[in-house]
PDB file of N, CA and C in Angstrom:
ATOM      1  N   MET A   1       0.830 -29.244 -18.745  1.00  0.00           N
ATOM      2  CA  MET A   1       2.201 -29.524 -19.208  1.00  0.00           C
ATOM      3  C   MET A   1       3.368 -28.552 -18.465  1.00  0.00           C
ATOM      4  N   PRO A   2       4.306 -29.308 -18.226  1.00  0.00           N
ATOM      5  CA  PRO A   2       5.205 -28.605 -17.856  1.00  0.00           C
ATOM      6  C   PRO A   2       5.998 -27.419 -18.712  1.00  0.00           C
ATOM      7  N   VAL A   3       6.766 -26.187 -17.907  1.00  0.00           N
ATOM      8  CA  VAL A   3       7.173 -25.219 -18.669  1.00  0.00           C
ATOM      9  C   VAL A   3       8.309 -25.650 -18.952  1.00  0.00           C
ATOM     10  N   TYR A   4       8.912 -25.265 -20.332  1.00  0.00           N
ATOM     11  CA  TYR A   4      10.380 -25.918 -20.475  1.00  0.00           C
ATOM     12  C   TYR A   4      11.557 -24.335 -20.337  1.00  0.00           C
ATOM     13  N   LYS A   5      10.916 -23.358 -20.570  1.00  0.00           N
ATOM     14  CA  LYS A   5      11.706 -21.972 -19.864  1.00  0.00           C
ATOM     15  C   LYS A   5      10.477 -20.730 -19.481  1.00  0.00           C
ATOM     16  N   SER A   6      10.957 -20.167 -18.549  1.00  0.00           N
ATOM     17  CA  SER A   6      10.226 -19.322 -18.539  1.00  0.00           C
ATOM     18  C   SER A   6      10.791 -17.597 -18.635  1.00  0.00           C
ATOM     19  N   ASN A   7       9.653 -16.656 -18.629  1.00  0.00           N
ATOM     20  CA  ASN A   7      10.347 -15.307 -19.029  1.00  0.00           C
ATOM     21  C   ASN A   7      11.039 -14.977 -20.567  1.00  0.00           C
ATOM     22  N   ASN A   8      10.647 -15.896 -21.435  1.00  0.00           N
ATOM     23  CA  ASN A   8      11.341 -15.819 -22.757  1.00  0.00           C
ATOM     24  C   ASN A   8      10.765 -14.699 -23.221  1.00  0.00           C
ATOM     25  N   ILE A   9      11.302 -13.832 -24.112  1.00  0.00           N
ATOM     26  CA  ILE A   9      10.852 -12.202 -24.707  1.00  0.00           C
ATOM     27  C   ILE A   9      10.912 -11.928 -25.960  1.00  0.00           C
ATOM     28  N   ALA A  10       9.864 -12.106 -26.682  1.00  0.00           N
ATOM     29  CA  ALA A  10       9.376 -12.070 -27.989  1.00  0.00           C
ATOM     30  C   ALA A  10       9.125 -10.932 -28.491  1.00  0.00           C
ATOM     31  N   THR A  11       9.414 -10.271 -29.698  1.00  0.00           N
ATOM     32  CA  THR A  11       8.955  -8.845 -30.354  1.00  0.00           C
ATOM     33  C   THR A  11       8.662  -8.969 -31.240  1.00  0.00           C
ATOM     34  N   SER A  12       7.673  -8.390 -31.571  1.00  0.00           N
ATOM     35  CA  SER A  12       6.920  -8.087 -32.850  1.00  0.00           C
ATOM     36  C   SER A  12       6.405  -6.694 -33.064  1.00  0.00           C
ATOM     37  N   ILE A  13       5.857  -6.313 -34.212  1.00  0.00           N
ATOM     38  CA  ILE A  13       5.287  -5.128 -34.559  1.00  0.00           C
ATOM     39  C   ILE A  13       4.989  -4.077 -33.898  1.00  0.00           C
ATOM     40  N   ILE A  14       4.072  -5.052 -32.696  1.00  0.00           N
ATOM     41  CA  ILE A  14       3.353  -4.306 -31.527  1.00  0.00           C
ATOM     42  C   ILE A  14       4.024  -4.386 -30.341  1.00  0.00           C
ATOM     43  N   GLY A  15       5.070  -4.791 -30.051  1.00  0.00           N
ATOM     44  CA  GLY A  15       5.746  -4.277 -29.168  1.00  0.00           C
ATOM     45  C   GLY A  15       6.608  -5.926 -28.421  1.00  0.00           C
ATOM     46  N   SER A  16       7.255  -6.099 -26.993  1.00  0.00           N
ATOM     47  CA  SER A  16       8.150  -7.136 -26.838  1.00  0.00           C
ATOM     48  C   SER A  16       6.599  -7.634 -25.697  1.00  0.00           C
ATOM     49  N   ASN A  17       7.096  -8.973 -25.091  1.00  0.00           N
ATOM     50  CA  ASN A  17       6.070  -9.588 -24.053  1.00  0.00           C
ATOM     51  C   ASN A  17       6.601 -10.967 -23.717  1.00  0.00           C
ATOM     52  N   CYS A  18       6.689 -10.964 -22.232  1.00  0.00           N
ATOM     53  CA  CYS A  18       7.411 -12.546 -21.989  1.00  0.00           C
ATOM     54  C   CYS A  18       6.082 -13.462 -22.244  1.00  0.00           C
ATOM     55  N   PHE A  19       7.189 -14.706 -22.546  1.00  0.00           N
ATOM     56  CA  PHE A  19       6.009 -15.717 -22.742  1.00  0.00           C
ATOM     57  C   PHE A  19       6.878 -17.225 -21.897  1.00  0.00           C
ATOM     58  N   ASN A  20       6.224 -18.032 -21.361  1.00  0.00           N
ATOM     59  CA  ASN A  20       6.727 -19.070 -20.995  1.00  0.00           C
ATOM     60  C   ASN A  20       6.735 -20.072 -22.393  1.00  0.00           C
ATOM     61  N   SER A  21       7.709 -21.202 -22.446  1.00  0.00           N
ATOM     62  CA  SER A  21       8.276 -21.947 -23.826  1.00  0.00           C
ATOM     63  C   SER A  21       7.791 -23.391 -23.191  1.00  0.00           C
ATOM     64  N   TYR A  22       7.417 -24.089 -23.838  1.00  0.00           N
ATOM     65  CA  TYR A  22       6.912 -25.610 -23.281  1.00  0.00           C
ATOM     66  C   TYR A  22       7.628 -26.380 -25.174  1.00  0.00           C
ATOM     67  N   LYS A  23       8.222 -27.648 -24.554  1.00  0.00           N
ATOM     68  CA  LYS A  23       8.614 -28.622 -25.495  1.00  0.00           C
ATOM     69  C   LYS A  23       6.823 -29.280 -26.069  1.00  0.00           C
ATOM     70  N   ILE A  24       6.769 -29.242 -27.213  1.00  0.00           N
ATOM     71  CA  ILE A  24       5.802 -30.105 -27.799  1.00  0.00           C
ATOM     72  C   ILE A  24       6.115 -31.268 -28.719  1.00  0.00           C
ATOM     73  N   ASN A  25       5.035 -32.201 -29.083  1.00  0.00           N
ATOM     74  CA  ASN A  25       4.720 -32.839 -30.412  1.00  0.00           C
ATOM     75  C   ASN A  25       4.282 -32.151 -31.399  1.00  0.00           C
ATOM     76  N   VAL A  26       4.095 -32.122 -32.473  1.00  0.00           N
ATOM     77  CA  VAL A  26       3.058 -31.719 -33.903  1.00  0.00           C
ATOM     78  C   VAL A  26       3.212 -32.837 -35.024  1.00  0.00           C
ATOM     79  N   PHE A  27       2.004 -33.326 -34.611  1.00  0.00           N
ATOM     80  CA  PHE A  27       1.771 -34.229 -35.996  1.00  0.00           C
ATOM     81  C   PHE A  27       0.942 -33.701 -36.911  1.00  0.00           C
ATOM     82  N   LEU A  28       1.417 -33.425 -38.430  1.00  0.00           N
ATOM     83  CA  LEU A  28       0.615 -32.672 -39.428  1.00  0.00           C
ATOM     84  C   LEU A  28      -0.523 -33.575 -40.183  1.00  0.00           C
ATOM     85  N   ASN A  29       0.470 -34.737 -40.411  1.00  0.00           N
ATOM     86  CA  ASN A  29       0.026 -35.925 -40.952  1.00  0.00           C
ATOM     87  C   ASN A  29       0.816 -37.205 -40.763  1.00  0.00           C
ATOM     88  N   LYS A  30       0.794 -38.417 -41.359  1.00  0.00           N
ATOM     89  CA  LYS A  30       1.762 -39.209 -41.449  1.00  0.00           C
ATOM     90  C   LYS A  30       3.090 -38.961 -42.110  1.00  0.00           C
ATOM     91  N   GLU A  31       2.988 -38.243 -42.967  1.00  0.00           N
ATOM     92  CA  GLU A  31       4.718 -37.811 -43.413  1.00  0.00           C
ATOM     93  C   GLU A  31       5.515 -36.682 -42.775  1.00  0.00           C
ATOM     94  N   MET A  32       4.694 -35.977 -41.806  1.00  0.00           N
ATOM     95  CA  MET A  32       5.053 -35.017 -41.471  1.00  0.00           C
ATOM     96  C   MET A  32       5.073 -34.893 -40.275  1.00  0.00           C
ATOM     97  N   TRP A  33       5.947 -34.990 -38.966  1.00  0.00           N
ATOM     98  CA  TRP A  33       5.353 -34.748 -37.851  1.00  0.00           C
ATOM     99  C   TRP A  33       7.125 -34.282 -37.201  1.00  0.00           C
ATOM    100  N   PHE A  34       7.149 -33.624 -35.984  1.00  0.00           N
ATOM    101  CA  PHE A  34       8.197 -33.215 -35.114  1.00  0.00           C
ATOM    102  C   PHE A  34       7.976 -33.459 -33.887  1.00  0.00           C
ATOM    103  N   GLU A  35       9.365 -33.774 -32.939  1.00  0.00           N
ATOM    104  CA  GLU A  35       9.252 -33.923 -31.865  1.00  0.00           C
ATOM    105  C   GLU A  35      10.173 -33.134 -30.876  1.00  0.00           C
ATOM    106  N   ASN A  36       9.743 -32.531 -29.809  1.00  0.00           N
ATOM    107  CA  ASN A  36      10.271 -31.961 -29.053  1.00  0.00           C
ATOM    108  C   ASN A  36      10.699 -30.570 -29.523  1.00  0.00           C
ATOM    109  N   ILE A  37       9.519 -29.604 -29.825  1.00  0.00           N
ATOM    110  CA  ILE A  37       9.428 -28.567 -30.589  1.00  0.00           C
ATOM    111  C   ILE A  37       9.583 -27.712 -29.649  1.00  0.00           C
ATOM    112  N   GLU A  38      10.256 -26.721 -29.678  1.00  0.00           N
ATOM    113  CA  GLU A  38       9.998 -25.602 -28.339  1.00  0.00           C
ATOM    114  C   GLU A  38       8.915 -24.578 -28.974  1.00  0.00           C
ATOM    115  N   ALA A  39       8.043 -24.182 -28.084  1.00  0.00           N
ATOM    116  CA  ALA A  39       6.915 -23.310 -28.327  1.00  0.00           C
ATOM    117  C   ALA A  39       6.484 -22.571 -27.651  1.00  0.00           C
ATOM    118  N   LEU A  40       6.715 -21.129 -27.630  1.00  0.00           N
ATOM    119  CA  LEU A  40       5.894 -19.776 -27.102  1.00  0.00           C
ATOM    120  C   LEU A  40       4.266 -20.363 -26.418  1.00  0.00           C
ATOM    121  N   GLY A  41       3.714 -19.970 -25.084  1.00  0.00           N
ATOM    122  CA  GLY A  41       2.446 -19.981 -24.935  1.00  0.00           C
ATOM    123  C   GLY A  41       1.922 -18.945 -25.036  1.00  0.00           C
ATOM    124  N   ILE A  42       0.844 -18.573 -25.671  1.00  0.00           N
ATOM    125  CA  ILE A  42       0.263 -17.485 -25.748  1.00  0.00           C
ATOM    126  C   ILE A  42      -1.157 -17.577 -25.553  1.00  0.00           C
ATOM    127  N   GLU A  43      -1.415 -16.441 -25.659  1.00  0.00           N
ATOM    128  CA  GLU A  43      -2.953 -16.167 -25.437  1.00  0.00           C
ATOM    129  C   GLU A  43      -3.716 -16.115 -26.806  1.00  0.00           C
ATOM    130  N   PRO A  44      -4.475 -16.947 -26.767  1.00  0.00           N
ATOM    131  CA  PRO A  44      -5.118 -17.501 -28.372  1.00  0.00           C
ATOM    132  C   PRO A  44      -5.992 -16.029 -29.059  1.00  0.00           C
ATOM    133  N   GLU A  45      -5.877 -15.401 -29.996  1.00  0.00           N
ATOM    134  CA  GLU A  45      -6.600 -14.533 -30.459  1.00  0.00           C
ATOM    135  C   GLU A  45      -6.982 -14.762 -31.720  1.00  0.00           C
ATOM    136  N   GLY A  46      -8.693 -14.548 -32.042  1.00  0.00           N
ATOM    137  CA  GLY A  46      -9.059 -14.858 -33.499  1.00  0.00           C
ATOM    138  C   GLY A  46      -9.212 -16.469 -33.512  1.00  0.00           C
ATOM    139  N   GLY A  47      -9.513 -17.531 -32.561  1.00  0.00           N
ATOM    140  CA  GLY A  47      -9.664 -18.373 -32.926  1.00  0.00           C
ATOM    141  C   GLY A  47      -8.556 -19.747 -33.444  1.00  0.00           C
ATOM    142  N   TYR A  48      -6.898 -19.011 -33.487  1.00  0.00           N
ATOM    143  CA  TYR A  48      -5.795 -20.584 -33.659  1.00  0.00           C
ATOM    144  C   TYR A  48      -5.639 -20.832 -32.703  1.00  0.00           C
ATOM    145  N   GLU A  49      -5.076 -22.041 -32.748  1.00  0.00           N
ATOM    146  CA  GLU A  49      -4.496 -22.918 -31.564  1.00  0.00           C
ATOM    147  C   GLU A  49      -3.053 -23.348 -32.250  1.00  0.00           C
ATOM    148  N   PHE A  50      -2.805 -23.009 -33.094  1.00  0.00           N
ATOM    149  CA  PHE A  50      -1.136 -23.085 -33.470  1.00  0.00           C
ATOM    150  C   PHE A  50      -0.685 -22.438 -34.945  1.00  0.00           C
ATOM    151  N   VAL A  51       0.441 -21.910 -34.239  1.00  0.00           N
ATOM    152  CA  VAL A  51       1.349 -20.951 -35.694  1.00  0.00           C
ATOM    153  C   VAL A  51       2.222 -21.635 -36.224  1.00  0.00           C
ATOM    154  N   ALA A  52       2.247 -22.066 -37.128  1.00  0.00           N
ATOM    155  CA  ALA A  52       3.714 -23.076 -37.633  1.00  0.00           C
ATOM    156  C   ALA A  52       4.783 -21.639 -38.363  1.00  0.00           C
ATOM    157  N   GLY A  53       6.048 -22.151 -37.779  1.00  0.00           N
ATOM    158  CA  GLY A  53       7.095 -21.121 -38.166  1.00  0.00           C
ATOM    159  C   GLY A  53       7.767 -21.453 -38.755  1.00  0.00           C
ATOM    160  N   MET A  54       8.612 -20.817 -39.277  1.00  0.00           N
ATOM    161  CA  MET A  54       9.732 -21.348 -40.751  1.00  0.00           C
ATOM    162  C   MET A  54      10.471 -22.466 -40.383  1.00  0.00           C
ATOM    163  N   ASP A  55      10.727 -22.807 -38.615  1.00  0.00           N
ATOM    164  CA  ASP A  55      11.531 -23.906 -38.705  1.00  0.00           C
ATOM    165  C   ASP A  55      10.694 -25.297 -39.188  1.00  0.00           C
ATOM    166  N   ILE A  56       9.483 -24.656 -39.095  1.00  0.00           N
ATOM    167  CA  ILE A  56       8.186 -25.885 -39.425  1.00  0.00           C
ATOM    168  C   ILE A  56       8.395 -26.056 -40.940  1.00  0.00           C
ATOM    169  N   ILE A  57       7.930 -24.863 -41.830  1.00  0.00           N
ATOM    170  CA  ILE A  57       7.683 -24.409 -42.926  1.00  0.00           C
ATOM    171  C   ILE A  57       8.776 -24.880 -44.039  1.00  0.00           C
ATOM    172  N   GLN A  58      10.190 -24.974 -43.583  1.00  0.00           N
ATOM    173  CA  GLN A  58      11.099 -24.764 -44.287  1.00  0.00           C
ATOM    174  C   GLN A  58      11.597 -25.911 -44.383  1.00  0.00           C
ATOM    175  N   GLN A  59      10.930 -27.021 -43.763  1.00  0.00           N
ATOM    176  CA  GLN A  59      10.705 -28.690 -43.923  1.00  0.00           C
ATOM    177  C   GLN A  59      10.132 -29.448 -44.950  1.00  0.00           C
ATOM    178  N   GLY A  60       9.240 -28.621 -45.404  1.00  0.00           N
ATOM    179  CA  GLY A  60       8.496 -29.383 -46.154  1.00  0.00           C
ATOM    180  C   GLY A  60       7.828 -28.035 -47.280  1.00  0.00           C
ATOM    181  N   ASN A  61       6.989 -28.615 -48.494  1.00  0.00           N
ATOM    182  CA  ASN A  61       6.199 -27.653 -49.163  1.00  0.00           C
ATOM    183  C   ASN A  61       4.511 -27.651 -48.595  1.00  0.00           C
ATOM    184  N   LEU A  62       4.463 -26.320 -48.444  1.00  0.00           N
ATOM    185  CA  LEU A  62       3.242 -26.012 -47.675  1.00  0.00           C
ATOM    186  C   LEU A  62       2.341 -25.305 -49.106  1.00  0.00           C
ATOM    187  N   ILE A  63       1.247 -26.333 -49.277  1.00  0.00           N
ATOM    188  CA  ILE A  63       0.169 -25.309 -49.692  1.00  0.00           C
ATOM    189  C   ILE A  63      -1.043 -25.035 -49.294  1.00  0.00           C
ATOM    190  N   VAL A  64      -1.573 -24.063 -49.484  1.00  0.00           N
ATOM    191  CA  VAL A  64      -3.219 -23.343 -48.456  1.00  0.00           C
ATOM    192  C   VAL A  64      -3.805 -23.073 -49.604  1.00  0.00           C
ATOM    193  N   ARG A  65      -5.640 -23.477 -49.649  1.00  0.00           N
ATOM    194  CA  ARG A  65      -6.167 -23.705 -50.926  1.00  0.00           C
ATOM    195  C   ARG A  65      -7.375 -22.712 -50.152  1.00  0.00           C
ATOM    196  N   ASN A  66      -8.019 -21.298 -50.438  1.00  0.00           N
ATOM    197  CA  ASN A  66      -9.168 -20.940 -49.687  1.00  0.00           C
ATOM    198  C   ASN A  66     -10.082 -20.912 -51.186  1.00  0.00           C
ATOM    199  N   ASN A  67     -11.309 -21.589 -50.832  1.00  0.00           N
ATOM    200  CA  ASN A  67     -11.939 -21.493 -51.934  1.00  0.00           C
ATOM    201  C   ASN A  67     -13.700 -21.678 -51.351  1.00  0.00           C
ATOM    202  N   LYS A  68     -14.118 -21.387 -50.055  1.00  0.00           N
ATOM    203  CA  LYS A  68     -15.060 -21.110 -49.208  1.00  0.00           C
ATOM    204  C   LYS A  68     -15.037 -22.305 -48.458  1.00  0.00           C
ATOM    205  N   ARG A  69     -13.507 -22.671 -48.399  1.00  0.00           N
ATOM    206  CA  ARG A  69     -13.190 -23.799 -47.534  1.00  0.00           C
ATOM    207  C   ARG A  69     -11.521 -24.215 -47.794  1.00  0.00           C
ATOM    208  N   THR A  70     -11.115 -24.097 -46.484  1.00  0.00           N
ATOM    209  CA  THR A  70      -9.594 -24.308 -46.686  1.00  0.00           C
ATOM    210  C   THR A  70      -9.186 -25.547 -46.521  1.00  0.00           C
ATOM    211  N   THR A  71      -7.883 -25.811 -47.340  1.00  0.00           N
ATOM    212  CA  THR A  71      -7.188 -27.078 -47.477  1.00  0.00           C
ATOM    213  C   THR A  71      -5.807 -26.964 -47.066  1.00  0.00           C
ATOM    214  N   ILE A  72      -5.137 -27.604 -46.498  1.00  0.00           N
ATOM    215  CA  ILE A  72      -3.882 -27.158 -46.095  1.00  0.00           C
ATOM    216  C   ILE A  72      -3.366 -28.868 -46.425  1.00  0.00           C
ATOM    217  N   ASN A  73      -2.388 -28.823 -47.369  1.00  0.00           N
ATOM    218  CA  ASN A  73      -1.337 -30.011 -47.707  1.00  0.00           C
ATOM    219  C   ASN A  73       0.062 -29.774 -47.322  1.00  0.00           C
ATOM    220  N   PHE A  74       0.999 -30.577 -46.892  1.00  0.00           N
ATOM    221  CA  PHE A  74       1.978 -29.873 -46.010  1.00  0.00           C
ATOM    222  C   PHE A  74       3.064 -31.764 -46.324  1.00  0.00           C
ATOM    223  N   LYS A  75       4.085 -31.651 -47.389  1.00  0.00           N
ATOM    224  CA  LYS A  75       4.608 -32.426 -47.790  1.00  0.00           C
ATOM    225  C   LYS A  75       5.937 -32.414 -47.453  1.00  0.00           C
ATOM    226  N   ARG A  76       6.837 -33.417 -46.714  1.00  0.00           N
ATOM    227  CA  ARG A  76       8.173 -33.269 -46.224  1.00  0.00           C
ATOM    228  C   ARG A  76       9.008 -32.875 -47.510  1.00  0.00           C
ATOM    229  N   LEU A  77       9.713 -32.466 -47.689  1.00  0.00           N
ATOM    230  CA  LEU A  77      11.157 -32.426 -48.745  1.00  0.00           C
ATOM    231  C   LEU A  77      11.844 -33.666 -48.429  1.00  0.00           C
ATOM    232  N   LYS A  78      12.145 -34.380 -49.776  1.00  0.00           N
ATOM    233  CA  LYS A  78      13.131 -35.177 -49.650  1.00  0.00           C
ATOM    234  C   LYS A  78      14.401 -34.586 -49.287  1.00  0.00           C
ATOM    235  N   LYS A  79      15.219 -35.497 -48.360  1.00  0.00           N
ATOM    236  CA  LYS A  79      17.003 -35.399 -48.463  1.00  0.00           C
ATOM    237  C   LYS A  79      17.756 -36.352 -48.925  1.00  0.00           C
TER     238      LYS A  79
END
C-alpha cells in the first residue's frame, strides 16, 4: 500500500509518535462505506485491526452489544 504522508505526529495520553498515513476504503456494510479515508498505520496491539474515529462514527448510529458475543450495528444517518 503506498504511503500517503510520512512522519505524521499523533499525540495521546502516553506521548507522541510518528506514523505513516495511507488512503484506504472502509466497507462496514452495504449501507455504510467510506472511500479515501486517511488512516494512520500503527503496530497493532491487543488484536485489533481497525479503530474507527469520530470522523466515521459521527456519520451514523453505532450500536455495540456484548453479552458473551459482540454485535456491532452501524446505520448511516439520513441527510
